[in-house]
C-alpha atoms as a PDB file:
ATOM      1  CA  MET A   1     110.119  91.507 137.966  1.00  0.00           C
ATOM      2  CA  THR A   2     111.594  93.828 135.330  1.00  0.00           C
ATOM      3  CA  ASP A   3     109.481  96.491 133.646  1.00  0.00           C
ATOM      4  CA  LYS A   4     108.614  95.586 130.028  1.00  0.00           C
ATOM      5  CA  LYS A   5     107.928  99.197 129.003  1.00  0.00           C
ATOM      6  CA  THR A   6     110.014 100.613 126.198  1.00  0.00           C
ATOM      7  CA  THR A   7     112.843 102.514 127.831  1.00  0.00           C
ATOM      8  CA  MET A   8     114.655 103.630 124.689  1.00  0.00           C
ATOM      9  CA  LYS A   9     113.235 104.943 121.406  1.00  0.00           C
ATOM     10  CA  ARG A  10     114.985 106.295 118.344  1.00  0.00           C
ATOM     11  CA  ASN A  11     113.667 107.454 114.983  1.00  0.00           C
ATOM     12  CA  PHE A  12     115.205 106.558 111.637  1.00  0.00           C
ATOM     13  CA  VAL A  13     114.461 107.214 108.000  1.00  0.00           C
ATOM     14  CA  GLU A  14     115.053 104.414 105.479  1.00  0.00           C
ATOM     15  CA  PHE A  15     115.763 105.431 101.898  1.00  0.00           C
ATOM     16  CA  TYR A  16     115.038 102.980  99.075  1.00  0.00           C
ATOM     17  CA  SER A  17     117.033 103.164  95.845  1.00  0.00           C
ATOM     18  CA  PRO A  18     116.942 100.962  92.737  1.00  0.00           C
ATOM     19  CA  GLY A  19     119.094  97.859  93.133  1.00  0.00           C
ATOM     20  CA  THR A  20     119.960  94.856  91.019  1.00  0.00           C
ATOM     21  CA  LEU A  21     117.489  92.313  92.464  1.00  0.00           C
ATOM     22  CA  VAL A  22     116.098  94.177  95.458  1.00  0.00           C
ATOM     23  CA  SER A  23     116.085  97.793  96.550  1.00  0.00           C
ATOM     24  CA  GLU A  24     119.172  99.244  98.185  1.00  0.00           C
ATOM     25  CA  VAL A  25     118.314 100.499 101.690  1.00  0.00           C
ATOM     26  CA  THR A  26     120.137 103.244 103.566  1.00  0.00           C
ATOM     27  CA  ARG A  27     119.038 103.940 107.160  1.00  0.00           C
ATOM     28  CA  ARG A  28     119.838 107.251 108.874  1.00  0.00           C
ATOM     29  CA  PRO A  29     118.872 108.605 112.313  1.00  0.00           C
ATOM     30  CA  ILE A  30     116.372 111.480 112.343  1.00  0.00           C
ATOM     31  CA  GLU A  31     114.941 113.460 115.286  1.00  0.00           C
ATOM     32  CA  SER A  32     111.310 113.090 114.235  1.00  0.00           C
ATOM     33  CA  TRP A  33     109.187 111.879 111.343  1.00  0.00           C
ATOM     34  CA  ASP A  34     109.843 115.116 109.429  1.00  0.00           C
ATOM     35  CA  VAL A  35     108.975 114.655 105.731  1.00  0.00           C
ATOM     36  CA  GLY A  36     110.687 117.893 104.654  1.00  0.00           C
ATOM     37  CA  LEU A  37     113.928 117.009 106.413  1.00  0.00           C
ATOM     38  CA  ALA A  38     113.856 113.487 104.958  1.00  0.00           C
ATOM     39  CA  GLN A  39     113.441 114.955 101.461  1.00  0.00           C
ATOM     40  CA  GLU A  40     116.518 117.111 102.033  1.00  0.00           C
ATOM     41  CA  MET A  41     118.469 114.131 103.381  1.00  0.00           C
ATOM     42  CA  ALA A  42     117.537 112.140 100.257  1.00  0.00           C
ATOM     43  CA  HIS A  43     119.731 114.471  98.179  1.00  0.00           C
ATOM     44  CA  GLU A  44     122.780 113.113 100.042  1.00  0.00           C
ATOM     45  CA  ILE A  45     122.059 109.439  99.281  1.00  0.00           C
ATOM     46  CA  VAL A  46     123.890 107.983  96.293  1.00  0.00           C
ATOM     47  CA  GLU A  47     124.009 104.226  95.876  1.00  0.00           C
ATOM     48  CA  ARG A  48     125.905 102.006  93.469  1.00  0.00           C
ATOM     49  CA  HIS A  49     125.994 103.166  89.850  1.00  0.00           C
ATOM     50  CA  GLY A  50     124.824 106.627  90.936  1.00  0.00           C
ATOM     51  CA  ALA A  51     121.313 105.503  91.907  1.00  0.00           C
ATOM     52  CA  THR A  52     119.331 107.957  94.032  1.00  0.00           C
ATOM     53  CA  PRO A  53     116.348 107.166  96.271  1.00  0.00           C
ATOM     54  CA  PHE A  54     112.887 106.644  94.834  1.00  0.00           C
ATOM     55  CA  ALA A  55     111.198 106.478  98.261  1.00  0.00           C
ATOM     56  CA  PHE A  56     111.595 106.597 102.027  1.00  0.00           C
ATOM     57  CA  ARG A  57     109.755 105.578 105.162  1.00  0.00           C
ATOM     58  CA  PHE A  58     110.185 106.343 108.840  1.00  0.00           C
ATOM     59  CA  ILE A  59     110.951 103.667 111.415  1.00  0.00           C
ATOM     60  CA  THR A  60     110.901 103.994 115.199  1.00  0.00           C
ATOM     61  CA  ARG A  61     113.020 101.449 117.033  1.00  0.00           C
ATOM     62  CA  GLY A  62     112.709 100.776 120.737  1.00  0.00           C
ATOM     63  CA  ARG A  63     114.048  98.555 123.473  1.00  0.00           C
ATOM     64  CA  SER A  64     112.887  97.686 126.959  1.00  0.00           C
ATOM     65  CA  SER A  65     115.197  96.862 129.814  1.00  0.00           C
ATOM     66  CA  ARG A  66     114.577  93.143 129.115  1.00  0.00           C
ATOM     67  CA  ASP A  67     115.499  93.297 125.416  1.00  0.00           C
ATOM     68  CA  LEU A  68     118.997  92.484 124.203  1.00  0.00           C
ATOM     69  CA  ASP A  69     118.608  94.665 121.100  1.00  0.00           C
ATOM     70  CA  SER A  70     116.181  97.249 119.775  1.00  0.00           C
ATOM     71  CA  ARG A  71     113.357  96.307 117.430  1.00  0.00           C
ATOM     72  CA  ASP A  72     111.049  98.133 115.035  1.00  0.00           C
ATOM     73  CA  ILE A  73     108.054  99.335 117.046  1.00  0.00           C
ATOM     74  CA  ASP A  74     106.439 101.656 114.480  1.00  0.00           C
ATOM     75  CA  LYS A  75     106.747 102.505 110.799  1.00  0.00           C
ATOM     76  CA  SER A  76     105.212 105.071 108.516  1.00  0.00           C
ATOM     77  CA  ARG A  77     103.622 104.854 105.126  1.00  0.00           C
ATOM     78  CA  THR A  78     105.945 104.980 102.125  1.00  0.00           C
ATOM     79  CA  TYR A  79     106.760 108.418 100.689  1.00  0.00           C
ATOM     80  CA  PHE A  80     107.701 108.217  97.019  1.00  0.00           C
ATOM     81  CA  LEU A  81     110.089 110.854  95.722  1.00  0.00           C
ATOM     82  CA  GLY A  82     108.194 111.709  92.557  1.00  0.00           C
ATOM     83  CA  GLY A  83     106.932 109.254  90.008  1.00  0.00           C
ATOM     84  CA  LYS A  84     103.736 108.314  88.220  1.00  0.00           C
ATOM     85  CA  ILE A  85     100.965 106.126  89.598  1.00  0.00           C
ATOM     86  CA  GLU A  86      99.607 103.564  87.133  1.00  0.00           C
ATOM     87  CA  THR A  87      96.661 101.238  87.620  1.00  0.00           C
ATOM     88  CA  LEU A  88      96.494  97.597  86.625  1.00  0.00           C
ATOM     89  CA  GLU A  89      93.840  98.603  84.088  1.00  0.00           C
ATOM     90  CA  GLU A  90      96.247 101.095  82.451  1.00  0.00           C
ATOM     91  CA  VAL A  91      99.082  98.574  82.329  1.00  0.00           C
ATOM     92  CA  GLU A  92      96.805  95.894  80.854  1.00  0.00           C
ATOM     93  CA  GLU A  93      95.305  98.318  78.337  1.00  0.00           C
ATOM     94  CA  ARG A  94      98.777  99.258  77.095  1.00  0.00           C
ATOM     95  CA  ASN A  95      99.450  95.541  76.517  1.00  0.00           C
ATOM     96  CA  ASP A  96     103.192  96.178  76.076  1.00  0.00           C
ATOM     97  CA  PRO A  97     104.938  92.820  75.448  1.00  0.00           C
ATOM     98  CA  ASP A  98     107.857  94.045  77.610  1.00  0.00           C
ATOM     99  CA  GLU A  99     105.437  94.380  80.549  1.00  0.00           C
ATOM    100  CA  LYS A 100     104.093  90.814  80.469  1.00  0.00           C
ATOM    101  CA  ILE A 101     105.828  89.949  83.768  1.00  0.00           C
ATOM    102  CA  LEU A 102     104.654  93.227  85.336  1.00  0.00           C
ATOM    103  CA  ARG A 103     101.025  92.452  84.431  1.00  0.00           C
ATOM    104  CA  HIS A 104     101.387  88.903  85.751  1.00  0.00           C
ATOM    105  CA  ASN A 105     102.956  90.105  89.024  1.00  0.00           C
ATOM    106  CA  MET A 106     100.317  92.805  89.542  1.00  0.00           C
ATOM    107  CA  ARG A 107      97.453  90.339  89.061  1.00  0.00           C
ATOM    108  CA  GLY A 108      99.137  87.541  91.048  1.00  0.00           C
ATOM    109  CA  ASN A 109      99.993  89.750  94.015  1.00  0.00           C
ATOM    110  CA  GLY A 110      96.767  91.771  94.021  1.00  0.00           C
ATOM    111  CA  TYR A 111      98.423  95.107  93.183  1.00  0.00           C
ATOM    112  CA  ASP A 112      95.803  97.533  91.882  1.00  0.00           C
ATOM    113  CA  LYS A 113      98.355 100.340  91.530  1.00  0.00           C
ATOM    114  CA  ILE A 114     102.078 100.722  90.973  1.00  0.00           C
ATOM    115  CA  LEU A 115     104.375 103.699  91.049  1.00  0.00           C
ATOM    116  CA  VAL A 116     106.918 104.149  88.271  1.00  0.00           C
ATOM    117  CA  ASN A 117     109.803 106.426  89.200  1.00  0.00           C
ATOM    118  CA  THR A 118     112.513 107.504  86.792  1.00  0.00           C
ATOM    119  CA  ASN A 119     114.368 110.091  88.891  1.00  0.00           C
ATOM    120  CA  SER A 120     117.510 107.961  88.607  1.00  0.00           C
ATOM    121  CA  TRP A 121     117.291 104.328  87.475  1.00  0.00           C
ATOM    122  CA  LYS A 122     113.743 103.222  86.692  1.00  0.00           C
ATOM    123  CA  ALA A 123     111.962 101.735  89.702  1.00  0.00           C
ATOM    124  CA  THR A 124     108.514 100.126  89.576  1.00  0.00           C
ATOM    125  CA  GLN A 125     106.999  99.474  92.995  1.00  0.00           C
ATOM    126  CA  PRO A 126     103.610  98.484  94.448  1.00  0.00           C
ATOM    127  CA  PHE A 127     101.612 101.531  95.542  1.00  0.00           C
ATOM    128  CA  GLU A 128      99.559 100.972  98.704  1.00  0.00           C
ATOM    129  CA  LYS A 129      96.467 102.981  99.686  1.00  0.00           C
ATOM    130  CA  ASP A 130      98.254 105.065 102.364  1.00  0.00           C
ATOM    131  CA  ASP A 131     101.377 105.787 100.292  1.00  0.00           C
ATOM    132  CA  VAL A 132     102.177 109.340  99.200  1.00  0.00           C
ATOM    133  CA  VAL A 133     103.857 110.756  96.093  1.00  0.00           C
ATOM    134  CA  LEU A 134     105.928 113.859  96.833  1.00  0.00           C
ATOM    135  CA  ASP A 135     107.010 116.527  94.373  1.00  0.00           C
ATOM    136  CA  TRP A 136     110.780 115.959  94.430  1.00  0.00           C
ATOM    137  CA  THR A 137     113.641 116.270  91.991  1.00  0.00           C
ATOM    138  CA  PRO A 138     117.087 114.865  92.774  1.00  0.00           C
ATOM    139  CA  GLN A 139     119.869 117.395  92.875  1.00  0.00           C
ATOM    140  CA  THR A 140     122.476 117.187  90.184  1.00  0.00           C
ATOM    141  CA  LYS A 141     125.891 118.812  90.290  1.00  0.00           C
ATOM    142  CA  ASP A 142     124.398 121.711  88.301  1.00  0.00           C
ATOM    143  CA  THR A 143     121.519 122.306  90.738  1.00  0.00           C
ATOM    144  CA  GLN A 144     123.865 121.962  93.734  1.00  0.00           C
ATOM    145  CA  GLU A 145     126.186 124.640  92.324  1.00  0.00           C
ATOM    146  CA  LYS A 146     123.230 126.964  91.582  1.00  0.00           C
ATOM    147  CA  ALA A 147     122.035 126.570  95.201  1.00  0.00           C
ATOM    148  CA  ARG A 148     125.377 127.775  96.558  1.00  0.00           C
END
């Protein structure tokens, strides 16, 4: 009988950027679940139309000797790269006609909080209780040149 224990593990960081219908996802290997390193790596991610990440999460993939391919065996909370948390109460109180669908989706899906990020293209995402908002500013060509 073959051992079912995980024999291979590898860590990744998944970056989420604004997309047309769903978020663009870029997955990169990382040695450990290092938030600081992931924030630095986020500066290198540029998606279509110049979009930069609004969030990331860590994933650990593993495989046993009986598996044909690796699978996700652990994942972290979501780390948002800046942004503003808004409650359903705040969104409803504003009563902006342009946010009618947002209010409907928040109520219908049970989202008490959202995070609005405008560090590249505007992204509005559900904010879960364990999620974290980091102080992060995307690098522009100007800030990259100043860092050199």
